Amino acid sequence: MVIWRVFGSQGAKVTHYRLYFFDARDHISRAVDIECRDDDEAMANVREHAHPFAIELWQGARRIDRFEPSEA
């Protein structure tokens, strides 16, 4: 499992998020953990990574957003 750490300023509090990458059949193909300051930073991080299928961003049991290929 890969963990991306995104830090804005040193010592900043970060929150754990998980990205779920989907395949052509809309099944989860892999998950990646990231740590960001807040939801906005996590969503910006998802948008920076192109992927041919959907990506969902979760923080614990809370789904933050689903990014379709045109959005991610």
N, C-alpha and C. Protein backbone atom coordinates (compact mmCIF):
# COMPACT_ATOMS: atom_id res chain seq x y z
N MET A 1 0.84 -1.17 0.00
CA MET A 1 0.00 0.00 0.00
C MET A 1 0.89 1.24 0.00
N VAL A 2 0.51 2.22 -0.81
CA VAL A 2 1.26 3.46 -0.91
C VAL A 2 0.56 4.53 -0.09
N ILE A 3 1.34 5.32 0.62
CA ILE A 3 0.77 6.46 1.35
C ILE A 3 1.41 7.72 0.78
N TRP A 4 0.58 8.61 0.24
CA TRP A 4 1.07 9.91 -0.21
C TRP A 4 0.91 10.87 0.95
N ARG A 5 1.91 11.64 1.22
CA ARG A 5 1.80 12.66 2.26
C ARG A 5 1.91 14.02 1.60
N VAL A 6 0.91 14.83 1.81
CA VAL A 6 0.87 16.17 1.23
C VAL A 6 0.92 17.16 2.38
N PHE A 7 2.00 17.87 2.48
CA PHE A 7 2.17 18.82 3.58
C PHE A 7 2.28 20.23 3.02
N GLY A 8 1.49 21.13 3.57
CA GLY A 8 1.57 22.53 3.16
C GLY A 8 2.67 23.24 3.93
N SER A 9 2.57 23.23 5.24
CA SER A 9 3.59 23.87 6.06
C SER A 9 4.07 22.86 7.09
N GLN A 10 5.30 22.99 7.48
CA GLN A 10 5.85 22.02 8.43
C GLN A 10 5.06 22.04 9.73
N GLY A 11 4.83 20.85 10.24
CA GLY A 11 4.12 20.72 11.50
C GLY A 11 2.62 20.87 11.40
N ALA A 12 2.09 21.03 10.20
CA ALA A 12 0.65 21.19 10.03
C ALA A 12 -0.06 19.88 10.34
N LYS A 13 -1.21 19.99 10.97
CA LYS A 13 -2.02 18.81 11.26
C LYS A 13 -2.55 18.23 9.96
N VAL A 14 -2.49 16.92 9.83
CA VAL A 14 -2.99 16.26 8.62
C VAL A 14 -4.07 15.25 8.98
N THR A 15 -4.90 14.96 7.99
CA THR A 15 -5.99 14.01 8.13
C THR A 15 -5.76 12.87 7.14
N HIS A 16 -6.11 11.66 7.55
CA HIS A 16 -5.95 10.47 6.71
C HIS A 16 -7.14 10.34 5.77
N TYR A 17 -6.86 10.12 4.51
CA TYR A 17 -7.87 9.90 3.48
C TYR A 17 -7.50 8.63 2.70
N ARG A 18 -8.48 8.09 2.01
CA ARG A 18 -8.22 6.94 1.14
C ARG A 18 -8.87 7.21 -0.22
N LEU A 19 -8.11 6.93 -1.27
CA LEU A 19 -8.61 7.01 -2.64
C LEU A 19 -8.91 5.60 -3.12
N TYR A 20 -10.08 5.42 -3.67
CA TYR A 20 -10.43 4.15 -4.29
C TYR A 20 -10.48 4.36 -5.80
N PHE A 21 -9.66 3.60 -6.52
CA PHE A 21 -9.61 3.66 -7.97
C PHE A 21 -10.47 2.54 -8.53
N PHE A 22 -11.35 2.88 -9.48
CA PHE A 22 -12.27 1.91 -10.05
C PHE A 22 -11.80 1.48 -11.43
N ASP A 23 -12.24 0.28 -11.85
CA ASP A 23 -11.89 -0.23 -13.16
C ASP A 23 -13.05 -0.02 -14.13
N ALA A 24 -12.93 -0.58 -15.33
CA ALA A 24 -13.95 -0.40 -16.37
C ALA A 24 -15.31 -0.98 -15.99
N ARG A 25 -15.32 -1.96 -15.08
CA ARG A 25 -16.58 -2.56 -14.63
C ARG A 25 -17.11 -1.89 -13.37
N ASP A 26 -16.50 -0.77 -12.98
CA ASP A 26 -16.87 0.00 -11.80
C ASP A 26 -16.66 -0.78 -10.50
N HIS A 27 -15.62 -1.62 -10.50
CA HIS A 27 -15.18 -2.32 -9.29
C HIS A 27 -13.89 -1.67 -8.80
N ILE A 28 -13.68 -1.70 -7.51
CA ILE A 28 -12.45 -1.12 -6.95
C ILE A 28 -11.26 -1.94 -7.43
N SER A 29 -10.29 -1.25 -8.05
CA SER A 29 -9.10 -1.94 -8.53
C SER A 29 -7.92 -1.76 -7.57
N ARG A 30 -7.90 -0.65 -6.84
CA ARG A 30 -6.84 -0.45 -5.84
C ARG A 30 -7.23 0.70 -4.93
N ALA A 31 -6.54 0.79 -3.81
CA ALA A 31 -6.75 1.87 -2.85
C ALA A 31 -5.40 2.49 -2.51
N VAL A 32 -5.42 3.79 -2.32
CA VAL A 32 -4.20 4.52 -1.96
C VAL A 32 -4.53 5.43 -0.79
N ASP A 33 -3.73 5.39 0.24
CA ASP A 33 -3.90 6.27 1.40
C ASP A 33 -3.13 7.56 1.17
N ILE A 34 -3.75 8.67 1.55
CA ILE A 34 -3.08 9.96 1.48
C ILE A 34 -3.33 10.71 2.79
N GLU A 35 -2.49 11.66 3.09
CA GLU A 35 -2.67 12.52 4.25
C GLU A 35 -2.61 13.96 3.76
N CYS A 36 -3.66 14.73 4.08
CA CYS A 36 -3.77 16.12 3.65
C CYS A 36 -4.28 16.96 4.81
N ARG A 37 -4.15 18.27 4.67
CA ARG A 37 -4.62 19.17 5.74
C ARG A 37 -6.13 19.16 5.90
N ASP A 38 -6.86 19.08 4.76
CA ASP A 38 -8.32 19.16 4.82
C ASP A 38 -8.92 18.57 3.54
N ASP A 39 -10.25 18.58 3.48
CA ASP A 39 -10.95 18.00 2.33
C ASP A 39 -10.56 18.70 1.02
N ASP A 40 -10.45 20.02 1.07
CA ASP A 40 -10.13 20.77 -0.15
C ASP A 40 -8.77 20.36 -0.71
N GLU A 41 -7.79 20.22 0.16
CA GLU A 41 -6.46 19.80 -0.30
C GLU A 41 -6.50 18.37 -0.84
N ALA A 42 -7.27 17.50 -0.20
CA ALA A 42 -7.39 16.12 -0.67
C ALA A 42 -8.05 16.07 -2.04
N MET A 43 -9.12 16.86 -2.25
CA MET A 43 -9.80 16.88 -3.55
C MET A 43 -8.87 17.45 -4.63
N ALA A 44 -8.10 18.48 -4.30
CA ALA A 44 -7.15 19.04 -5.26
C ALA A 44 -6.11 17.99 -5.64
N ASN A 45 -5.70 17.19 -4.67
CA ASN A 45 -4.72 16.13 -4.93
C ASN A 45 -5.27 15.11 -5.91
N VAL A 46 -6.54 14.74 -5.75
CA VAL A 46 -7.17 13.77 -6.67
C VAL A 46 -7.20 14.34 -8.08
N ARG A 47 -7.56 15.61 -8.20
CA ARG A 47 -7.69 16.23 -9.53
C ARG A 47 -6.35 16.30 -10.26
N GLU A 48 -5.25 16.24 -9.55
CA GLU A 48 -3.92 16.31 -10.17
C GLU A 48 -3.50 14.98 -10.79
N HIS A 49 -4.19 13.90 -10.49
CA HIS A 49 -3.79 12.57 -10.97
C HIS A 49 -4.80 12.05 -11.99
N ALA A 50 -4.39 12.00 -13.24
CA ALA A 50 -5.27 11.50 -14.30
C ALA A 50 -5.47 10.00 -14.13
N HIS A 51 -6.68 9.55 -14.39
CA HIS A 51 -7.01 8.13 -14.30
C HIS A 51 -8.14 7.86 -15.29
N PRO A 52 -8.11 6.74 -16.00
CA PRO A 52 -9.13 6.48 -17.03
C PRO A 52 -10.51 6.14 -16.49
N PHE A 53 -10.63 5.87 -15.18
CA PHE A 53 -11.92 5.51 -14.61
C PHE A 53 -12.15 6.33 -13.34
N ALA A 54 -13.26 6.10 -12.68
CA ALA A 54 -13.65 6.90 -11.52
C ALA A 54 -12.71 6.69 -10.32
N ILE A 55 -12.66 7.71 -9.47
CA ILE A 55 -11.93 7.67 -8.21
C ILE A 55 -12.87 8.20 -7.13
N GLU A 56 -12.93 7.50 -5.99
CA GLU A 56 -13.69 8.01 -4.85
C GLU A 56 -12.72 8.40 -3.74
N LEU A 57 -13.03 9.50 -3.09
CA LEU A 57 -12.24 10.00 -1.97
C LEU A 57 -13.03 9.79 -0.69
N TRP A 58 -12.41 9.10 0.28
CA TRP A 58 -13.04 8.80 1.56
C TRP A 58 -12.16 9.28 2.71
N GLN A 59 -12.81 9.67 3.79
CA GLN A 59 -12.13 9.96 5.05
C GLN A 59 -12.87 9.14 6.10
N GLY A 60 -12.26 8.02 6.49
CA GLY A 60 -12.95 7.09 7.38
C GLY A 60 -14.17 6.52 6.67
N ALA A 61 -15.33 6.57 7.34
CA ALA A 61 -16.57 6.04 6.77
C ALA A 61 -17.32 7.09 5.96
N ARG A 62 -16.74 8.26 5.79
CA ARG A 62 -17.39 9.37 5.09
C ARG A 62 -16.87 9.49 3.66
N ARG A 63 -17.78 9.30 2.70
CA ARG A 63 -17.40 9.52 1.30
C ARG A 63 -17.46 11.01 1.02
N ILE A 64 -16.36 11.55 0.57
CA ILE A 64 -16.28 12.99 0.31
C ILE A 64 -16.77 13.31 -1.09
N ASP A 65 -16.28 12.55 -2.08
CA ASP A 65 -16.68 12.83 -3.45
C ASP A 65 -16.29 11.67 -4.36
N ARG A 66 -16.94 11.63 -5.51
CA ARG A 66 -16.59 10.67 -6.56
C ARG A 66 -16.18 11.49 -7.77
N PHE A 67 -15.03 11.19 -8.32
CA PHE A 67 -14.49 11.92 -9.46
C PHE A 67 -14.56 11.03 -10.69
N GLU A 68 -15.34 11.46 -11.65
CA GLU A 68 -15.42 10.73 -12.91
C GLU A 68 -14.18 11.05 -13.73
N PRO A 69 -13.85 10.24 -14.73
CA PRO A 69 -12.60 10.45 -15.46
C PRO A 69 -12.40 11.88 -15.98
N SER A 70 -13.46 12.54 -16.40
CA SER A 70 -13.34 13.89 -16.91
C SER A 70 -13.01 14.90 -15.81
N GLU A 71 -13.28 14.55 -14.54
CA GLU A 71 -13.04 15.44 -13.42
C GLU A 71 -11.69 15.20 -12.77
N ALA A 72 -11.22 13.95 -12.81
CA ALA A 72 -9.98 13.60 -12.08
C ALA A 72 -8.75 14.01 -12.84
